[in-house]
Structures are given as C-alpha cells and as structure tokens.
mmCIF file of all heavy atoms, coordinates in Angstrom:
data_MODEL
# 
_entry.id   MODEL 
# 
loop_
_atom_site.group_PDB 
_atom_site.id 
_atom_site.type_symbol 
_atom_site.label_atom_id 
_atom_site.label_alt_id 
_atom_site.label_comp_id 
_atom_site.label_asym_id 
_atom_site.label_entity_id 
_atom_site.label_seq_id 
_atom_site.pdbx_PDB_ins_code 
_atom_site.Cartn_x 
_atom_site.Cartn_y 
_atom_site.Cartn_z 
_atom_site.occupancy 
_atom_site.B_iso_or_equiv 
_atom_site.pdbx_formal_charge 
_atom_site.auth_seq_id 
_atom_site.auth_comp_id 
_atom_site.auth_asym_id 
_atom_site.auth_atom_id 
_atom_site.pdbx_PDB_model_num 
ATOM 1   N N   . ALA A 1 1  ? -77.539 -47.576 59.525 1.00 0.00 ? 1  ALA A N   1 
ATOM 2   C CA  . ALA A 1 1  ? -77.401 -47.327 60.957 1.00 0.00 ? 1  ALA A CA  1 
ATOM 3   C C   . ALA A 1 1  ? -75.985 -47.576 61.463 1.00 0.00 ? 1  ALA A C   1 
ATOM 4   O O   . ALA A 1 1  ? -75.594 -47.009 62.488 1.00 0.00 ? 1  ALA A O   1 
ATOM 5   C CB  . ALA A 1 1  ? -78.385 -48.200 61.731 1.00 0.00 ? 1  ALA A CB  1 
ATOM 6   N N   . THR A 1 2  ? -75.222 -48.397 60.763 1.00 0.00 ? 2  THR A N   1 
ATOM 7   C CA  . THR A 1 2  ? -73.844 -48.652 61.181 1.00 0.00 ? 2  THR A CA  1 
ATOM 8   C C   . THR A 1 2  ? -72.824 -47.802 60.442 1.00 0.00 ? 2  THR A C   1 
ATOM 9   O O   . THR A 1 2  ? -71.751 -47.504 60.988 1.00 0.00 ? 2  THR A O   1 
ATOM 10  C CB  . THR A 1 2  ? -73.501 -50.149 60.980 1.00 0.00 ? 2  THR A CB  1 
ATOM 11  O OG1 . THR A 1 2  ? -73.805 -50.533 59.629 1.00 0.00 ? 2  THR A OG1 1 
ATOM 12  C CG2 . THR A 1 2  ? -74.296 -51.017 61.929 1.00 0.00 ? 2  THR A CG2 1 
ATOM 13  N N   . GLU A 1 3  ? -73.130 -47.393 59.218 1.00 0.00 ? 3  GLU A N   1 
ATOM 14  C CA  . GLU A 1 3  ? -72.163 -46.613 58.438 1.00 0.00 ? 3  GLU A CA  1 
ATOM 15  C C   . GLU A 1 3  ? -72.261 -45.116 58.702 1.00 0.00 ? 3  GLU A C   1 
ATOM 16  O O   . GLU A 1 3  ? -71.241 -44.412 58.679 1.00 0.00 ? 3  GLU A O   1 
ATOM 17  C CB  . GLU A 1 3  ? -72.354 -46.882 56.945 1.00 0.00 ? 3  GLU A CB  1 
ATOM 18  C CG  . GLU A 1 3  ? -71.967 -48.287 56.504 1.00 0.00 ? 3  GLU A CG  1 
ATOM 19  C CD  . GLU A 1 3  ? -70.476 -48.551 56.582 1.00 0.00 ? 3  GLU A CD  1 
ATOM 20  O OE1 . GLU A 1 3  ? -69.702 -47.585 56.755 1.00 0.00 ? 3  GLU A OE1 1 
ATOM 21  O OE2 . GLU A 1 3  ? -70.080 -49.724 56.489 1.00 0.00 ? 3  GLU A OE2 1 
ATOM 22  N N   . ILE A 1 4  ? -73.464 -44.613 58.935 1.00 0.00 ? 4  ILE A N   1 
ATOM 23  C CA  . ILE A 1 4  ? -73.607 -43.167 59.177 1.00 0.00 ? 4  ILE A CA  1 
ATOM 24  C C   . ILE A 1 4  ? -72.818 -42.719 60.411 1.00 0.00 ? 4  ILE A C   1 
ATOM 25  O O   . ILE A 1 4  ? -72.139 -41.681 60.374 1.00 0.00 ? 4  ILE A O   1 
ATOM 26  C CB  . ILE A 1 4  ? -75.093 -42.793 59.275 1.00 0.00 ? 4  ILE A CB  1 
ATOM 27  C CG1 . ILE A 1 4  ? -75.741 -42.908 57.884 1.00 0.00 ? 4  ILE A CG1 1 
ATOM 28  C CG2 . ILE A 1 4  ? -75.271 -41.391 59.828 1.00 0.00 ? 4  ILE A CG2 1 
ATOM 29  C CD1 . ILE A 1 4  ? -77.229 -42.615 57.877 1.00 0.00 ? 4  ILE A CD1 1 
ATOM 30  N N   . PRO A 1 5  ? -72.876 -43.451 61.540 1.00 0.00 ? 5  PRO A N   1 
ATOM 31  C CA  . PRO A 1 5  ? -72.032 -43.037 62.674 1.00 0.00 ? 5  PRO A CA  1 
ATOM 32  C C   . PRO A 1 5  ? -70.538 -43.013 62.353 1.00 0.00 ? 5  PRO A C   1 
ATOM 33  O O   . PRO A 1 5  ? -69.794 -42.201 62.921 1.00 0.00 ? 5  PRO A O   1 
ATOM 34  C CB  . PRO A 1 5  ? -72.353 -44.090 63.743 1.00 0.00 ? 5  PRO A CB  1 
ATOM 35  C CG  . PRO A 1 5  ? -73.720 -44.560 63.412 1.00 0.00 ? 5  PRO A CG  1 
ATOM 36  C CD  . PRO A 1 5  ? -73.780 -44.550 61.922 1.00 0.00 ? 5  PRO A CD  1 
ATOM 37  N N   . VAL A 1 6  ? -70.096 -43.876 61.458 1.00 0.00 ? 6  VAL A N   1 
ATOM 38  C CA  . VAL A 1 6  ? -68.685 -43.853 61.061 1.00 0.00 ? 6  VAL A CA  1 
ATOM 39  C C   . VAL A 1 6  ? -68.358 -42.530 60.371 1.00 0.00 ? 6  VAL A C   1 
ATOM 40  O O   . VAL A 1 6  ? -67.331 -41.887 60.656 1.00 0.00 ? 6  VAL A O   1 
ATOM 41  C CB  . VAL A 1 6  ? -68.368 -45.046 60.140 1.00 0.00 ? 6  VAL A CB  1 
ATOM 42  C CG1 . VAL A 1 6  ? -66.956 -44.925 59.578 1.00 0.00 ? 6  VAL A CG1 1 
ATOM 43  C CG2 . VAL A 1 6  ? -68.526 -46.352 60.897 1.00 0.00 ? 6  VAL A CG2 1 
ATOM 44  N N   . GLY A 1 7  ? -69.216 -42.126 59.432 1.00 0.00 ? 7  GLY A N   1 
ATOM 45  C CA  . GLY A 1 7  ? -68.984 -40.854 58.757 1.00 0.00 ? 7  GLY A CA  1 
ATOM 46  C C   . GLY A 1 7  ? -68.995 -39.673 59.714 1.00 0.00 ? 7  GLY A C   1 
ATOM 47  O O   . GLY A 1 7  ? -68.153 -38.767 59.607 1.00 0.00 ? 7  GLY A O   1 
ATOM 48  N N   . LEU A 1 8  ? -69.919 -39.684 60.673 1.00 0.00 ? 8  LEU A N   1 
ATOM 49  C CA  . LEU A 1 8  ? -69.959 -38.592 61.655 1.00 0.00 ? 8  LEU A CA  1 
ATOM 50  C C   . LEU A 1 8  ? -68.725 -38.593 62.540 1.00 0.00 ? 8  LEU A C   1 
ATOM 51  O O   . LEU A 1 8  ? -68.207 -37.517 62.895 1.00 0.00 ? 8  LEU A O   1 
ATOM 52  C CB  . LEU A 1 8  ? -71.222 -38.726 62.512 1.00 0.00 ? 8  LEU A CB  1 
ATOM 53  C CG  . LEU A 1 8  ? -72.557 -38.580 61.767 1.00 0.00 ? 8  LEU A CG  1 
ATOM 54  C CD1 . LEU A 1 8  ? -73.729 -38.804 62.718 1.00 0.00 ? 8  LEU A CD1 1 
ATOM 55  C CD2 . LEU A 1 8  ? -72.659 -37.215 61.101 1.00 0.00 ? 8  LEU A CD2 1 
ATOM 56  N N   . SER A 1 9  ? -68.237 -39.783 62.869 1.00 0.00 ? 9  SER A N   1 
ATOM 57  C CA  . SER A 1 9  ? -67.034 -39.853 63.705 1.00 0.00 ? 9  SER A CA  1 
ATOM 58  C C   . SER A 1 9  ? -65.808 -39.360 62.953 1.00 0.00 ? 9  SER A C   1 
ATOM 59  O O   . SER A 1 9  ? -64.905 -38.743 63.543 1.00 0.00 ? 9  SER A O   1 
ATOM 60  C CB  . SER A 1 9  ? -66.820 -41.299 64.171 1.00 0.00 ? 9  SER A CB  1 
ATOM 61  O OG  . SER A 1 9  ? -67.903 -41.728 64.974 1.00 0.00 ? 9  SER A OG  1 
ATOM 62  N N   . VAL A 1 10 ? -65.737 -39.611 61.648 1.00 0.00 ? 10 VAL A N   1 
ATOM 63  C CA  . VAL A 1 10 ? -64.620 -39.103 60.850 1.00 0.00 ? 10 VAL A CA  1 
ATOM 64  C C   . VAL A 1 10 ? -64.673 -37.584 60.779 1.00 0.00 ? 10 VAL A C   1 
ATOM 65  O O   . VAL A 1 10 ? -63.651 -36.897 60.896 1.00 0.00 ? 10 VAL A O   1 
ATOM 66  C CB  . VAL A 1 10 ? -64.647 -39.731 59.449 1.00 0.00 ? 10 VAL A CB  1 
ATOM 67  C CG1 . VAL A 1 10 ? -63.621 -39.061 58.532 1.00 0.00 ? 10 VAL A CG1 1 
ATOM 68  C CG2 . VAL A 1 10 ? -64.379 -41.229 59.530 1.00 0.00 ? 10 VAL A CG2 1 
ATOM 69  N N   . VAL A 1 11 ? -65.877 -37.044 60.574 1.00 0.00 ? 11 VAL A N   1 
ATOM 70  C CA  . VAL A 1 11 ? -66.018 -35.579 60.517 1.00 0.00 ? 11 VAL A CA  1 
ATOM 71  C C   . VAL A 1 11 ? -65.622 -34.944 61.846 1.00 0.00 ? 11 VAL A C   1 
ATOM 72  O O   . VAL A 1 11 ? -64.973 -33.885 61.897 1.00 0.00 ? 11 VAL A O   1 
ATOM 73  C CB  . VAL A 1 11 ? -67.466 -35.209 60.156 1.00 0.00 ? 11 VAL A CB  1 
ATOM 74  C CG1 . VAL A 1 11 ? -67.696 -33.705 60.279 1.00 0.00 ? 11 VAL A CG1 1 
ATOM 75  C CG2 . VAL A 1 11 ? -67.788 -35.674 58.740 1.00 0.00 ? 11 VAL A CG2 1 
ATOM 76  N N   . ALA A 1 12 ? -65.972 -35.612 62.948 1.00 0.00 ? 12 ALA A N   1 
ATOM 77  C CA  . ALA A 1 12 ? -65.645 -35.066 64.268 1.00 0.00 ? 12 ALA A CA  1 
ATOM 78  C C   . ALA A 1 12 ? -64.191 -35.291 64.641 1.00 0.00 ? 12 ALA A C   1 
ATOM 79  O O   . ALA A 1 12 ? -63.724 -34.762 65.657 1.00 0.00 ? 12 ALA A O   1 
ATOM 80  C CB  . ALA A 1 12 ? -66.554 -35.691 65.327 1.00 0.00 ? 12 ALA A CB  1 
ATOM 81  N N   . GLY A 1 13 ? -63.466 -36.086 63.843 1.00 0.00 ? 13 GLY A N   1 
ATOM 82  C CA  . GLY A 1 13 ? -62.061 -36.312 64.134 1.00 0.00 ? 13 GLY A CA  1 
ATOM 83  C C   . GLY A 1 13 ? -61.778 -37.478 65.048 1.00 0.00 ? 13 GLY A C   1 
ATOM 84  O O   . GLY A 1 13 ? -60.629 -37.666 65.466 1.00 0.00 ? 13 GLY A O   1 
ATOM 85  N N   . HIS A 1 14 ? -62.795 -38.283 65.350 1.00 0.00 ? 14 HIS A N   1 
ATOM 86  C CA  . HIS A 1 14 ? -62.581 -39.427 66.239 1.00 0.00 ? 14 HIS A CA  1 
ATOM 87  C C   . HIS A 1 14 ? -62.076 -40.662 65.498 1.00 0.00 ? 14 HIS A C   1 
ATOM 88  O O   . HIS A 1 14 ? -61.544 -41.575 66.133 1.00 0.00 ? 14 HIS A O   1 
ATOM 89  C CB  . HIS A 1 14 ? -63.889 -39.769 66.958 1.00 0.00 ? 14 HIS A CB  1 
ATOM 90  C CG  . HIS A 1 14 ? -64.414 -38.654 67.802 1.00 0.00 ? 14 HIS A CG  1 
ATOM 91  N ND1 . HIS A 1 14 ? -63.708 -38.110 68.861 1.00 0.00 ? 14 HIS A ND1 1 
ATOM 92  C CD2 . HIS A 1 14 ? -65.588 -37.963 67.760 1.00 0.00 ? 14 HIS A CD2 1 
ATOM 93  C CE1 . HIS A 1 14 ? -64.418 -37.153 69.438 1.00 0.00 ? 14 HIS A CE1 1 
ATOM 94  N NE2 . HIS A 1 14 ? -65.570 -37.040 68.771 1.00 0.00 ? 14 HIS A NE2 1 
ATOM 95  N N   . LEU A 1 15 ? -62.242 -40.703 64.173 1.00 0.00 ? 15 LEU A N   1 
ATOM 96  C CA  . LEU A 1 15 ? -61.773 -41.827 63.369 1.00 0.00 ? 15 LEU A CA  1 
ATOM 97  C C   . LEU A 1 15 ? -60.969 -41.294 62.197 1.00 0.00 ? 15 LEU A C   1 
ATOM 98  O O   . LEU A 1 15 ? -61.234 -40.190 61.703 1.00 0.00 ? 15 LEU A O   1 
ATOM 99  C CB  . LEU A 1 15 ? -62.955 -42.662 62.846 1.00 0.00 ? 15 LEU A CB  1 
ATOM 100 C CG  . LEU A 1 15 ? -63.725 -43.490 63.873 1.00 0.00 ? 15 LEU A CG  1 
ATOM 101 C CD1 . LEU A 1 15 ? -64.923 -44.165 63.203 1.00 0.00 ? 15 LEU A CD1 1 
ATOM 102 C CD2 . LEU A 1 15 ? -62.835 -44.538 64.531 1.00 0.00 ? 15 LEU A CD2 1 
ATOM 103 N N   . PRO A 1 16 ? -59.996 -42.060 61.712 1.00 0.00 ? 16 PRO A N   1 
ATOM 104 C CA  . PRO A 1 16 ? -59.210 -41.601 60.550 1.00 0.00 ? 16 PRO A CA  1 
ATOM 105 C C   . PRO A 1 16 ? -60.036 -41.681 59.275 1.00 0.00 ? 16 PRO A C   1 
ATOM 106 O O   . PRO A 1 16 ? -61.057 -42.358 59.203 1.00 0.00 ? 16 PRO A O   1 
ATOM 107 C CB  . PRO A 1 16 ? -58.034 -42.587 60.517 1.00 0.00 ? 16 PRO A CB  1 
ATOM 108 C CG  . PRO A 1 16 ? -58.559 -43.822 61.179 1.00 0.00 ? 16 PRO A CG  1 
ATOM 109 C CD  . PRO A 1 16 ? -59.508 -43.348 62.239 1.00 0.00 ? 16 PRO A CD  1 
ATOM 110 N N   . GLU A 1 17 ? -59.564 -40.976 58.232 1.00 0.00 ? 17 GLU A N   1 
ATOM 111 C CA  . GLU A 1 17 ? -60.287 -40.962 56.972 1.00 0.00 ? 17 GLU A CA  1 
ATOM 112 C C   . GLU A 1 17 ? -60.290 -42.319 56.277 1.00 0.00 ? 17 GLU A C   1 
ATOM 113 O O   . GLU A 1 17 ? -61.144 -42.574 55.429 1.00 0.00 ? 17 GLU A O   1 
ATOM 114 C CB  . GLU A 1 17 ? -59.663 -39.915 56.024 1.00 0.00 ? 17 GLU A CB  1 
ATOM 115 C CG  . GLU A 1 17 ? -59.908 -38.489 56.458 1.00 0.00 ? 17 GLU A CG  1 
ATOM 116 C CD  . GLU A 1 17 ? -59.491 -37.497 55.392 1.00 0.00 ? 17 GLU A CD  1 
ATOM 117 O OE1 . GLU A 1 17 ? -59.095 -37.949 54.287 1.00 0.00 ? 17 GLU A OE1 1 
ATOM 118 O OE2 . GLU A 1 17 ? -59.550 -36.284 55.643 1.00 0.00 ? 17 GLU A OE2 1 
ATOM 119 N N   . SER A 1 18 ? -59.385 -43.182 56.631 1.00 0.00 ? 18 SER A N   1 
ATOM 120 C CA  . SER A 1 18 ? -59.374 -44.521 56.039 1.00 0.00 ? 18 SER A CA  1 
ATOM 121 C C   . SER A 1 18 ? -60.625 -45.319 56.399 1.00 0.00 ? 18 SER A C   1 
ATOM 122 O O   . SER A 1 18 ? -60.969 -46.274 55.704 1.00 0.00 ? 18 SER A O   1 
ATOM 123 C CB  . SER A 1 18 ? -58.129 -45.284 56.500 1.00 0.00 ? 18 SER A CB  1 
ATOM 124 O OG  . SER A 1 18 ? -58.108 -45.401 57.927 1.00 0.00 ? 18 SER A OG  1 
ATOM 125 N N   . SER A 1 19 ? -61.323 -44.912 57.471 1.00 0.00 ? 19 SER A N   1 
ATOM 126 C CA  . SER A 1 19 ? -62.560 -45.598 57.858 1.00 0.00 ? 19 SER A CA  1 
ATOM 127 C C   . SER A 1 19 ? -63.668 -45.375 56.844 1.00 0.00 ? 19 SER A C   1 
ATOM 128 O O   . SER A 1 19 ? -64.654 -46.124 56.844 1.00 0.00 ? 19 SER A O   1 
ATOM 129 C CB  . SER A 1 19 ? -63.016 -45.120 59.238 1.00 0.00 ? 19 SER A CB  1 
ATOM 130 O OG  . SER A 1 19 ? -62.037 -45.380 60.223 1.00 0.00 ? 19 SER A OG  1 
ATOM 131 N N   . LEU A 1 20 ? -63.520 -44.373 55.983 1.00 0.00 ? 20 LEU A N   1 
ATOM 132 C CA  . LEU A 1 20 ? -64.538 -44.109 54.972 1.00 0.00 ? 20 LEU A CA  1 
ATOM 133 C C   . LEU A 1 20 ? -64.488 -45.112 53.827 1.00 0.00 ? 20 LEU A C   1 
ATOM 134 O O   . LEU A 1 20 ? -65.417 -45.154 53.009 1.00 0.00 ? 20 LEU A O   1 
ATOM 135 C CB  . LEU A 1 20 ? -64.366 -42.701 54.400 1.00 0.00 ? 20 LEU A CB  1 
ATOM 136 C CG  . LEU A 1 20 ? -64.458 -41.537 55.399 1.00 0.00 ? 20 LEU A CG  1 
ATOM 137 C CD1 . LEU A 1 20 ? -64.172 -40.218 54.690 1.00 0.00 ? 20 LEU A CD1 1 
ATOM 138 C CD2 . LEU A 1 20 ? -65.836 -41.497 56.048 1.00 0.00 ? 20 LEU A CD2 1 
ATOM 139 N N   . HIS A 1 21 ? -63.443 -45.920 53.751 1.00 0.00 ? 21 HIS A N   1 
ATOM 140 C CA  . HIS A 1 21 ? -63.237 -46.798 52.606 1.00 0.00 ? 21 HIS A CA  1 
ATOM 141 C C   . HIS A 1 21 ? -63.113 -48.267 53.033 1.00 0.00 ? 21 HIS A C   1 
ATOM 142 O O   . HIS A 1 21 ? -62.452 -49.049 52.363 1.00 0.00 ? 21 HIS A O   1 
ATOM 143 C CB  . HIS A 1 21 ? -61.989 -46.382 51.828 1.00 0.00 ? 21 HIS A CB  1 
ATOM 144 C CG  . HIS A 1 21 ? -62.025 -44.963 51.355 1.00 0.00 ? 21 HIS A CG  1 
ATOM 145 N ND1 . HIS A 1 21 ? -62.700 -44.567 50.220 1.00 0.00 ? 21 HIS A ND1 1 
ATOM 146 C CD2 . HIS A 1 21 ? -61.467 -43.831 51.888 1.00 0.00 ? 21 HIS A CD2 1 
ATOM 147 C CE1 . HIS A 1 21 ? -62.549 -43.263 50.051 1.00 0.00 ? 21 HIS A CE1 1 
ATOM 148 N NE2 . HIS A 1 21 ? -61.815 -42.786 51.049 1.00 0.00 ? 21 HIS A NE2 1 
ATOM 149 N N   . ARG A 1 22 ? -63.729 -48.642 54.116 1.00 0.00 ? 22 ARG A N   1 
ATOM 150 C CA  . ARG A 1 22 ? -63.669 -50.041 54.555 1.00 0.00 ? 22 ARG A CA  1 
ATOM 151 C C   . ARG A 1 22 ? -64.526 -50.921 53.646 1.00 0.00 ? 22 ARG A C   1 
ATOM 152 O O   . ARG A 1 22 ? -65.532 -50.477 53.084 1.00 0.00 ? 22 ARG A O   1 
ATOM 153 C CB  . ARG A 1 22 ? -64.146 -50.170 56.007 1.00 0.00 ? 22 ARG A CB  1 
ATOM 154 C CG  . ARG A 1 22 ? -65.574 -49.745 56.221 1.00 0.00 ? 22 ARG A CG  1 
ATOM 155 C CD  . ARG A 1 22 ? -65.977 -49.850 57.687 1.00 0.00 ? 22 ARG A CD  1 
ATOM 156 N NE  . ARG A 1 22 ? -65.897 -51.213 58.178 1.00 0.00 ? 22 ARG A NE  1 
ATOM 157 C CZ  . ARG A 1 22 ? -66.886 -52.088 58.079 1.00 0.00 ? 22 ARG A CZ  1 
ATOM 158 N NH1 . ARG A 1 22 ? -68.013 -51.744 57.475 1.00 0.00 ? 22 ARG A NH1 1 
ATOM 159 N NH2 . ARG A 1 22 ? -66.745 -53.290 58.560 1.00 0.00 ? 22 ARG A NH2 1 
ATOM 160 N N   . LEU A 1 23 ? -64.127 -52.174 53.475 1.00 0.00 ? 23 LEU A N   1 
ATOM 161 C CA  . LEU A 1 23 ? -64.848 -53.107 52.615 1.00 0.00 ? 23 LEU A CA  1 
ATOM 162 C C   . LEU A 1 23 ? -66.054 -53.654 53.368 1.00 0.00 ? 23 LEU A C   1 
ATOM 163 O O   . LEU A 1 23 ? -65.924 -54.241 54.445 1.00 0.00 ? 23 LEU A O   1 
ATOM 164 C CB  . LEU A 1 23 ? -63.924 -54.244 52.188 1.00 0.00 ? 23 LEU A CB  1 
ATOM 165 C CG  . LEU A 1 23 ? -64.408 -55.147 51.050 1.00 0.00 ? 23 LEU A CG  1 
ATOM 166 C CD1 . LEU A 1 23 ? -64.620 -54.331 49.782 1.00 0.00 ? 23 LEU A CD1 1 
ATOM 167 C CD2 . LEU A 1 23 ? -63.415 -56.271 50.803 1.00 0.00 ? 23 LEU A CD2 1 
ATOM 168 N N   . ASP A 1 24 ? -67.233 -53.454 52.805 1.00 0.00 ? 24 ASP A N   1 
ATOM 169 C CA  . ASP A 1 24 ? -68.468 -53.864 53.490 1.00 0.00 ? 24 ASP A CA  1 
ATOM 170 C C   . ASP A 1 24 ? -69.451 -54.381 52.440 1.00 0.00 ? 24 ASP A C   1 
ATOM 171 O O   . ASP A 1 24 ? -69.953 -53.620 51.616 1.00 0.00 ? 24 ASP A O   1 
ATOM 172 C CB  . ASP A 1 24 ? -69.064 -52.674 54.254 1.00 0.00 ? 24 ASP A CB  1 
ATOM 173 C CG  . ASP A 1 24 ? -70.262 -53.091 55.104 1.00 0.00 ? 24 ASP A CG  1 
ATOM 174 O OD1 . ASP A 1 24 ? -70.456 -54.308 55.302 1.00 0.00 ? 24 ASP A OD1 1 
ATOM 175 O OD2 . ASP A 1 24 ? -71.005 -52.208 55.561 1.00 0.00 ? 24 ASP A OD2 1 
# 
C-alpha cells in the first residue's frame, strides 16, 4: 500500500526514478 503509489507517481512523472530504489 505504500510502495505501489510510489511506482505510480514515478510513472506519472511526479517523483524521480531514484524513488524506485529506496532502501526499505
């Protein structure tokens, strides 16, 4: 529930691609 919105935001251009590789 917290990671999927990050991926959608990257696809939409609201977040940089570096957000796909955060340590979690």
